[in-house]
Amino acid sequence: MKKPCKKAQAHHIFPQRFREEFLKKGINVDHPKYGIWWESNSHQRLAFKYNEQWAQFLRKEPATGEILEYGRKLMNDYGFRINY
């Protein structure tokens, strides 16, 4: 994953905050296919909201497939196309 510009930050599609929950479902949050570059200002401004959306979703105790699909949907909602 090549950094597109100096003003981008690495972003984990599956937040590190929930690492253990994702690992239980077989998802390695640090795998490169689950990462993108996000423009720094936007990333910092939206990080709390993004993590809260995940917290609410994970309360439903979703299956692995549902988690992967939610990651795709959420990233699409934020304007990103991902390829996992």
PDB file of N, CA and C in Angstrom:
ATOM      1  N   MET A   1       0.851  -1.168   0.000  1.00  0.00           N
ATOM      2  CA  MET A   1       0.000   0.000   0.000  1.00  0.00           C
ATOM      3  C   MET A   1       0.898   1.232   0.000  1.00  0.00           C
ATOM      4  N   LYS A   2       0.942   1.922  -1.101  1.00  0.00           N
ATOM      5  CA  LYS A   2       1.794   3.100  -1.249  1.00  0.00           C
ATOM      6  C   LYS A   2       1.066   4.347  -0.767  1.00  0.00           C
ATOM      7  N   LYS A   3       1.739   5.155   0.038  1.00  0.00           N
ATOM      8  CA  LYS A   3       1.155   6.388   0.559  1.00  0.00           C
ATOM      9  C   LYS A   3       0.949   7.375  -0.593  1.00  0.00           C
ATOM     10  N   PRO A   4      -0.288   7.876  -0.773  1.00  0.00           N
ATOM     11  CA  PRO A   4      -0.575   8.727  -1.913  1.00  0.00           C
ATOM     12  C   PRO A   4      -0.020  10.150  -1.817  1.00  0.00           C
ATOM     13  N   CYS A   5       0.090  10.691  -0.608  1.00  0.00           N
ATOM     14  CA  CYS A   5       0.610  12.045  -0.427  1.00  0.00           C
ATOM     15  C   CYS A   5       1.041  12.225   1.024  1.00  0.00           C
ATOM     16  N   LYS A   6       1.721  13.321   1.295  1.00  0.00           N
ATOM     17  CA  LYS A   6       2.220  13.569   2.647  1.00  0.00           C
ATOM     18  C   LYS A   6       1.097  13.816   3.657  1.00  0.00           C
ATOM     19  N   LYS A   7      -0.054  14.255   3.191  1.00  0.00           N
ATOM     20  CA  LYS A   7      -1.144  14.609   4.097  1.00  0.00           C
ATOM     21  C   LYS A   7      -2.148  13.476   4.285  1.00  0.00           C
ATOM     22  N   ALA A   8      -1.701  12.253   4.176  1.00  0.00           N
ATOM     23  CA  ALA A   8      -2.581  11.102   4.365  1.00  0.00           C
ATOM     24  C   ALA A   8      -2.121  10.300   5.579  1.00  0.00           C
ATOM     25  N   GLN A   9      -3.081   9.659   6.226  1.00  0.00           N
ATOM     26  CA  GLN A   9      -2.794   8.805   7.374  1.00  0.00           C
ATOM     27  C   GLN A   9      -3.289   7.394   7.082  1.00  0.00           C
ATOM     28  N   ALA A  10      -2.557   6.428   7.620  1.00  0.00           N
ATOM     29  CA  ALA A  10      -2.995   5.041   7.489  1.00  0.00           C
ATOM     30  C   ALA A  10      -4.268   4.855   8.307  1.00  0.00           C
ATOM     31  N   HIS A  11      -5.210   4.132   7.736  1.00  0.00           N
ATOM     32  CA  HIS A  11      -6.488   3.906   8.391  1.00  0.00           C
ATOM     33  C   HIS A  11      -6.795   2.421   8.390  1.00  0.00           C
ATOM     34  N   HIS A  12      -7.139   1.893   9.554  1.00  0.00           N
ATOM     35  CA  HIS A  12      -7.582   0.507   9.684  1.00  0.00           C
ATOM     36  C   HIS A  12      -9.086   0.469   9.423  1.00  0.00           C
ATOM     37  N   ILE A  13      -9.507  -0.260   8.421  1.00  0.00           N
ATOM     38  CA  ILE A  13     -10.936  -0.388   8.144  1.00  0.00           C
ATOM     39  C   ILE A  13     -11.634  -0.982   9.362  1.00  0.00           C
ATOM     40  N   PHE A  14     -10.986  -1.951  10.002  1.00  0.00           N
ATOM     41  CA  PHE A  14     -11.497  -2.560  11.225  1.00  0.00           C
ATOM     42  C   PHE A  14     -10.697  -1.975  12.385  1.00  0.00           C
ATOM     43  N   PRO A  15     -11.303  -1.063  13.165  1.00  0.00           N
ATOM     44  CA  PRO A  15     -10.572  -0.307  14.183  1.00  0.00           C
ATOM     45  C   PRO A  15      -9.784  -1.177  15.171  1.00  0.00           C
ATOM     46  N   GLN A  16      -8.570  -0.717  15.442  1.00  0.00           N
ATOM     47  CA  GLN A  16      -7.701  -1.404  16.390  1.00  0.00           C
ATOM     48  C   GLN A  16      -8.332  -1.489  17.774  1.00  0.00           C
ATOM     49  N   ARG A  17      -9.177  -0.552  18.084  1.00  0.00           N
ATOM     50  CA  ARG A  17      -9.875  -0.525  19.382  1.00  0.00           C
ATOM     51  C   ARG A  17     -10.641  -1.832  19.628  1.00  0.00           C
ATOM     52  N   PHE A  18     -11.084  -2.487  18.556  1.00  0.00           N
ATOM     53  CA  PHE A  18     -11.865  -3.716  18.667  1.00  0.00           C
ATOM     54  C   PHE A  18     -11.079  -4.932  18.179  1.00  0.00           C
ATOM     55  N   ARG A  19      -9.777  -4.833  18.236  1.00  0.00           N
ATOM     56  CA  ARG A  19      -8.881  -5.876  17.730  1.00  0.00           C
ATOM     57  C   ARG A  19      -9.271  -7.281  18.207  1.00  0.00           C
ATOM     58  N   GLU A  20      -9.493  -7.442  19.501  1.00  0.00           N
ATOM     59  CA  GLU A  20      -9.807  -8.767  20.050  1.00  0.00           C
ATOM     60  C   GLU A  20     -11.111  -9.316  19.495  1.00  0.00           C
ATOM     61  N   GLU A  21     -12.104  -8.459  19.368  1.00  0.00           N
ATOM     62  CA  GLU A  21     -13.390  -8.913  18.824  1.00  0.00           C
ATOM     63  C   GLU A  21     -13.245  -9.381  17.376  1.00  0.00           C
ATOM     64  N   PHE A  22     -12.463  -8.637  16.601  1.00  0.00           N
ATOM     65  CA  PHE A  22     -12.251  -9.019  15.208  1.00  0.00           C
ATOM     66  C   PHE A  22     -11.431 -10.303  15.101  1.00  0.00           C
ATOM     67  N   LEU A  23     -10.428 -10.441  15.945  1.00  0.00           N
ATOM     68  CA  LEU A  23      -9.609 -11.661  15.922  1.00  0.00           C
ATOM     69  C   LEU A  23     -10.441 -12.900  16.210  1.00  0.00           C
ATOM     70  N   LYS A  24     -11.399 -12.776  17.115  1.00  0.00           N
ATOM     71  CA  LYS A  24     -12.287 -13.906  17.425  1.00  0.00           C
ATOM     72  C   LYS A  24     -13.088 -14.340  16.197  1.00  0.00           C
ATOM     73  N   LYS A  25     -13.278 -13.426  15.265  1.00  0.00           N
ATOM     74  CA  LYS A  25     -14.022 -13.716  14.036  1.00  0.00           C
ATOM     75  C   LYS A  25     -13.087 -14.030  12.871  1.00  0.00           C
ATOM     76  N   GLY A  26     -11.765 -14.115  13.156  1.00  0.00           N
ATOM     77  CA  GLY A  26     -10.800 -14.468  12.121  1.00  0.00           C
ATOM     78  C   GLY A  26     -10.341 -13.307  11.262  1.00  0.00           C
ATOM     79  N   ILE A  27     -10.521 -12.084  11.735  1.00  0.00           N
ATOM     80  CA  ILE A  27     -10.130 -10.898  10.973  1.00  0.00           C
ATOM     81  C   ILE A  27      -8.910 -10.258  11.624  1.00  0.00           C
ATOM     82  N   ASN A  28      -7.813 -10.202  10.884  1.00  0.00           N
ATOM     83  CA  ASN A  28      -6.583  -9.563  11.344  1.00  0.00           C
ATOM     84  C   ASN A  28      -6.631  -8.101  10.910  1.00  0.00           C
ATOM     85  N   VAL A  29      -6.883  -7.192  11.838  1.00  0.00           N
ATOM     86  CA  VAL A  29      -7.049  -5.779  11.509  1.00  0.00           C
ATOM     87  C   VAL A  29      -5.804  -5.165  10.874  1.00  0.00           C
ATOM     88  N   ASP A  30      -4.633  -5.792  11.075  1.00  0.00           N
ATOM     89  CA  ASP A  30      -3.380  -5.253  10.549  1.00  0.00           C
ATOM     90  C   ASP A  30      -3.027  -5.775   9.158  1.00  0.00           C
ATOM     91  N   HIS A  31      -3.844  -6.662   8.610  1.00  0.00           N
ATOM     92  CA  HIS A  31      -3.554  -7.169   7.263  1.00  0.00           C
ATOM     93  C   HIS A  31      -3.672  -6.007   6.283  1.00  0.00           C
ATOM     94  N   PRO A  32      -2.688  -5.857   5.373  1.00  0.00           N
ATOM     95  CA  PRO A  32      -2.704  -4.732   4.432  1.00  0.00           C
ATOM     96  C   PRO A  32      -3.992  -4.597   3.614  1.00  0.00           C
ATOM     97  N   LYS A  33      -4.666  -5.707   3.341  1.00  0.00           N
ATOM     98  CA  LYS A  33      -5.900  -5.596   2.547  1.00  0.00           C
ATOM     99  C   LYS A  33      -7.009  -4.887   3.318  1.00  0.00           C
ATOM    100  N   TYR A  34      -6.838  -4.730   4.625  1.00  0.00           N
ATOM    101  CA  TYR A  34      -7.823  -4.040   5.444  1.00  0.00           C
ATOM    102  C   TYR A  34      -7.348  -2.645   5.839  1.00  0.00           C
ATOM    103  N   GLY A  35      -6.518  -2.049   5.009  1.00  0.00           N
ATOM    104  CA  GLY A  35      -6.017  -0.709   5.277  1.00  0.00           C
ATOM    105  C   GLY A  35      -6.152   0.186   4.064  1.00  0.00           C
ATOM    106  N   ILE A  36      -6.309   1.467   4.326  1.00  0.00           N
ATOM    107  CA  ILE A  36      -6.356   2.471   3.257  1.00  0.00           C
ATOM    108  C   ILE A  36      -5.607   3.710   3.732  1.00  0.00           C
ATOM    109  N   TRP A  37      -5.376   4.628   2.821  1.00  0.00           N
ATOM    110  CA  TRP A  37      -4.854   5.943   3.169  1.00  0.00           C
ATOM    111  C   TRP A  37      -6.019   6.913   3.172  1.00  0.00           C
ATOM    112  N   TRP A  38      -6.108   7.723   4.232  1.00  0.00           N
ATOM    113  CA  TRP A  38      -7.212   8.669   4.398  1.00  0.00           C
ATOM    114  C   TRP A  38      -6.596  10.045   4.633  1.00  0.00           C
ATOM    115  N   GLU A  39      -7.092  11.056   3.953  1.00  0.00           N
ATOM    116  CA  GLU A  39      -6.585  12.423   4.092  1.00  0.00           C
ATOM    117  C   GLU A  39      -6.599  12.800   5.577  1.00  0.00           C
ATOM    118  N   SER A  40      -5.479  13.338   6.057  1.00  0.00           N
ATOM    119  CA  SER A  40      -5.244  13.559   7.494  1.00  0.00           C
ATOM    120  C   SER A  40      -6.327  14.352   8.207  1.00  0.00           C
ATOM    121  N   ASN A  41      -6.693  15.521   7.695  1.00  0.00           N
ATOM    122  CA  ASN A  41      -7.677  16.359   8.396  1.00  0.00           C
ATOM    123  C   ASN A  41      -9.020  15.657   8.525  1.00  0.00           C
ATOM    124  N   SER A  42      -9.479  15.069   7.458  1.00  0.00           N
ATOM    125  CA  SER A  42     -10.752  14.353   7.468  1.00  0.00           C
ATOM    126  C   SER A  42     -10.681  13.137   8.393  1.00  0.00           C
ATOM    127  N   HIS A  43      -9.571  12.419   8.341  1.00  0.00           N
ATOM    128  CA  HIS A  43      -9.400  11.227   9.175  1.00  0.00           C
ATOM    129  C   HIS A  43      -9.501  11.581  10.650  1.00  0.00           C
ATOM    130  N   GLN A  44      -8.782  12.606  11.056  1.00  0.00           N
ATOM    131  CA  GLN A  44      -8.790  13.004  12.463  1.00  0.00           C
ATOM    132  C   GLN A  44     -10.165  13.513  12.896  1.00  0.00           C
ATOM    133  N   ARG A  45     -10.833  14.247  12.025  1.00  0.00           N
ATOM    134  CA  ARG A  45     -12.131  14.828  12.344  1.00  0.00           C
ATOM    135  C   ARG A  45     -13.223  13.759  12.482  1.00  0.00           C
ATOM    136  N   LEU A  46     -13.121  12.681  11.685  1.00  0.00           N
ATOM    137  CA  LEU A  46     -14.177  11.672  11.648  1.00  0.00           C
ATOM    138  C   LEU A  46     -13.888  10.393  12.436  1.00  0.00           C
ATOM    139  N   ALA A  47     -12.694  10.277  13.005  1.00  0.00           N
ATOM    140  CA  ALA A  47     -12.284   9.037  13.668  1.00  0.00           C
ATOM    141  C   ALA A  47     -13.219   8.634  14.806  1.00  0.00           C
ATOM    142  N   PHE A  48     -13.628   9.557  15.646  1.00  0.00           N
ATOM    143  CA  PHE A  48     -14.499   9.219  16.778  1.00  0.00           C
ATOM    144  C   PHE A  48     -15.839   8.683  16.274  1.00  0.00           C
ATOM    145  N   LYS A  49     -16.451   9.393  15.324  1.00  0.00           N
ATOM    146  CA  LYS A  49     -17.731   8.963  14.761  1.00  0.00           C
ATOM    147  C   LYS A  49     -17.607   7.569  14.143  1.00  0.00           C
ATOM    148  N   TYR A  50     -16.532   7.345  13.389  1.00  0.00           N
ATOM    149  CA  TYR A  50     -16.299   6.062  12.729  1.00  0.00           C
ATOM    150  C   TYR A  50     -16.231   4.930  13.758  1.00  0.00           C
ATOM    151  N   ASN A  51     -15.458   5.132  14.808  1.00  0.00           N
ATOM    152  CA  ASN A  51     -15.323   4.113  15.851  1.00  0.00           C
ATOM    153  C   ASN A  51     -16.642   3.871  16.585  1.00  0.00           C
ATOM    154  N   GLU A  52     -17.424   4.922  16.794  1.00  0.00           N
ATOM    155  CA  GLU A  52     -18.725   4.758  17.455  1.00  0.00           C
ATOM    156  C   GLU A  52     -19.697   3.965  16.580  1.00  0.00           C
ATOM    157  N   GLN A  53     -19.625   4.163  15.275  1.00  0.00           N
ATOM    158  CA  GLN A  53     -20.475   3.379  14.384  1.00  0.00           C
ATOM    159  C   GLN A  53     -20.122   1.892  14.493  1.00  0.00           C
ATOM    160  N   TRP A  54     -18.830   1.595  14.573  1.00  0.00           N
ATOM    161  CA  TRP A  54     -18.413   0.208  14.759  1.00  0.00           C
ATOM    162  C   TRP A  54     -18.874  -0.328  16.104  1.00  0.00           C
ATOM    163  N   ALA A  55     -18.757   0.465  17.158  1.00  0.00           N
ATOM    164  CA  ALA A  55     -19.162   0.011  18.493  1.00  0.00           C
ATOM    165  C   ALA A  55     -20.636  -0.376  18.491  1.00  0.00           C
ATOM    166  N   GLN A  56     -21.476   0.448  17.885  1.00  0.00           N
ATOM    167  CA  GLN A  56     -22.908   0.144  17.827  1.00  0.00           C
ATOM    168  C   GLN A  56     -23.160  -1.130  17.028  1.00  0.00           C
ATOM    169  N   PHE A  57     -22.486  -1.284  15.904  1.00  0.00           N
ATOM    170  CA  PHE A  57     -22.673  -2.458  15.062  1.00  0.00           C
ATOM    171  C   PHE A  57     -22.233  -3.732  15.784  1.00  0.00           C
ATOM    172  N   LEU A  58     -21.109  -3.679  16.466  1.00  0.00           N
ATOM    173  CA  LEU A  58     -20.569  -4.872  17.130  1.00  0.00           C
ATOM    174  C   LEU A  58     -21.412  -5.324  18.324  1.00  0.00           C
ATOM    175  N   ARG A  59     -22.236  -4.448  18.849  1.00  0.00           N
ATOM    176  CA  ARG A  59     -23.138  -4.839  19.944  1.00  0.00           C
ATOM    177  C   ARG A  59     -24.128  -5.911  19.504  1.00  0.00           C
ATOM    178  N   LYS A  60     -24.359  -6.004  18.209  1.00  0.00           N
ATOM    179  CA  LYS A  60     -25.294  -6.992  17.652  1.00  0.00           C
ATOM    180  C   LYS A  60     -24.663  -8.380  17.538  1.00  0.00           C
ATOM    181  N   GLU A  61     -23.369  -8.483  17.890  1.00  0.00           N
ATOM    182  CA  GLU A  61     -22.617  -9.735  17.792  1.00  0.00           C
ATOM    183  C   GLU A  61     -22.727 -10.356  16.396  1.00  0.00           C
ATOM    184  N   PRO A  62     -22.303  -9.615  15.379  1.00  0.00           N
ATOM    185  CA  PRO A  62     -22.425 -10.079  13.998  1.00  0.00           C
ATOM    186  C   PRO A  62     -21.471 -11.224  13.661  1.00  0.00           C
ATOM    187  N   ALA A  63     -21.830 -11.981  12.631  1.00  0.00           N
ATOM    188  CA  ALA A  63     -20.976 -13.042  12.100  1.00  0.00           C
ATOM    189  C   ALA A  63     -19.872 -12.404  11.253  1.00  0.00           C
ATOM    190  N   THR A  64     -18.856 -13.187  10.926  1.00  0.00           N
ATOM    191  CA  THR A  64     -17.716 -12.685  10.154  1.00  0.00           C
ATOM    192  C   THR A  64     -18.149 -12.050   8.844  1.00  0.00           C
ATOM    193  N   GLY A  65     -19.014 -12.718   8.098  1.00  0.00           N
ATOM    194  CA  GLY A  65     -19.471 -12.176   6.823  1.00  0.00           C
ATOM    195  C   GLY A  65     -20.177 -10.839   6.976  1.00  0.00           C
ATOM    196  N   GLU A  66     -20.946 -10.701   8.042  1.00  0.00           N
ATOM    197  CA  GLU A  66     -21.639  -9.430   8.305  1.00  0.00           C
ATOM    198  C   GLU A  66     -20.643  -8.319   8.630  1.00  0.00           C
ATOM    199  N   ILE A  67     -19.577  -8.667   9.346  1.00  0.00           N
ATOM    200  CA  ILE A  67     -18.545  -7.687   9.679  1.00  0.00           C
ATOM    201  C   ILE A  67     -17.850  -7.215   8.409  1.00  0.00           C
ATOM    202  N   LEU A  68     -17.472  -8.148   7.561  1.00  0.00           N
ATOM    203  CA  LEU A  68     -16.795  -7.782   6.316  1.00  0.00           C
ATOM    204  C   LEU A  68     -17.693  -6.895   5.454  1.00  0.00           C
ATOM    205  N   GLU A  69     -18.954  -7.243   5.368  1.00  0.00           N
ATOM    206  CA  GLU A  69     -19.902  -6.453   4.573  1.00  0.00           C
ATOM    207  C   GLU A  69     -20.106  -5.071   5.181  1.00  0.00           C
ATOM    208  N   TYR A  70     -20.186  -4.984   6.499  1.00  0.00           N
ATOM    209  CA  TYR A  70     -20.352  -3.685   7.149  1.00  0.00           C
ATOM    210  C   TYR A  70     -19.122  -2.805   6.896  1.00  0.00           C
ATOM    211  N   GLY A  71     -17.936  -3.405   6.911  1.00  0.00           N
ATOM    212  CA  GLY A  71     -16.733  -2.643   6.600  1.00  0.00           C
ATOM    213  C   GLY A  71     -16.804  -2.044   5.206  1.00  0.00           C
ATOM    214  N   ARG A  72     -17.264  -2.836   4.242  1.00  0.00           N
ATOM    215  CA  ARG A  72     -17.422  -2.327   2.872  1.00  0.00           C
ATOM    216  C   ARG A  72     -18.439  -1.182   2.824  1.00  0.00           C
ATOM    217  N   LYS A  73     -19.581  -1.402   3.480  1.00  0.00           N
ATOM    218  CA  LYS A  73     -20.635  -0.391   3.472  1.00  0.00           C
ATOM    219  C   LYS A  73     -20.170   0.906   4.124  1.00  0.00           C
ATOM    220  N   LEU A  74     -19.551   0.782   5.293  1.00  0.00           N
ATOM    221  CA  LEU A  74     -19.117   1.967   6.018  1.00  0.00           C
ATOM    222  C   LEU A  74     -18.077   2.752   5.223  1.00  0.00           C
ATOM    223  N   MET A  75     -17.116   2.049   4.640  1.00  0.00           N
ATOM    224  CA  MET A  75     -16.108   2.749   3.851  1.00  0.00           C
ATOM    225  C   MET A  75     -16.744   3.423   2.636  1.00  0.00           C
ATOM    226  N   ASN A  76     -17.722   2.773   2.029  1.00  0.00           N
ATOM    227  CA  ASN A  76     -18.445   3.385   0.914  1.00  0.00           C
ATOM    228  C   ASN A  76     -19.169   4.649   1.379  1.00  0.00           C
ATOM    229  N   ASP A  77     -19.771   4.596   2.569  1.00  0.00           N
ATOM    230  CA  ASP A  77     -20.460   5.764   3.124  1.00  0.00           C
ATOM    231  C   ASP A  77     -19.504   6.942   3.303  1.00  0.00           C
ATOM    232  N   TYR A  78     -18.234   6.647   3.557  1.00  0.00           N
ATOM    233  CA  TYR A  78     -17.226   7.692   3.741  1.00  0.00           C
ATOM    234  C   TYR A  78     -16.518   8.049   2.426  1.00  0.00           C
ATOM    235  N   GLY A  79     -16.956   7.441   1.330  1.00  0.00           N
ATOM    236  CA  GLY A  79     -16.437   7.797   0.017  1.00  0.00           C
ATOM    237  C   GLY A  79     -15.253   6.985  -0.462  1.00  0.00           C
ATOM    238  N   PHE A  80     -15.028   5.797   0.129  1.00  0.00           N
ATOM    239  CA  PHE A  80     -13.892   4.962  -0.260  1.00  0.00           C
ATOM    240  C   PHE A  80     -14.377   3.671  -0.895  1.00  0.00           C
ATOM    241  N   ARG A  81     -13.677   3.238  -1.938  1.00  0.00           N
ATOM    242  CA  ARG A  81     -13.899   1.920  -2.515  1.00  0.00           C
ATOM    243  C   ARG A  81     -12.781   1.032  -2.011  1.00  0.00           C
ATOM    244  N   ILE A  82     -13.133  -0.125  -1.491  1.00  0.00           N
ATOM    245  CA  ILE A  82     -12.120  -1.035  -0.976  1.00  0.00           C
ATOM    246  C   ILE A  82     -12.218  -2.351  -1.729  1.00  0.00           C
ATOM    247  N   ASN A  83     -11.134  -3.103  -1.689  1.00  0.00           N
ATOM    248  CA  ASN A  83     -11.058  -4.328  -2.488  1.00  0.00           C
ATOM    249  C   ASN A  83     -10.636  -5.545  -1.673  1.00  0.00           C
ATOM    250  N   TYR A  84     -11.408  -5.903  -0.690  1.00  0.00           N
ATOM    251  CA  TYR A  84     -11.124  -7.158   0.003  1.00  0.00           C
ATOM    252  C   TYR A  84     -12.297  -8.078  -0.178  1.00  0.00           C
TER     253      TYR A  84
END
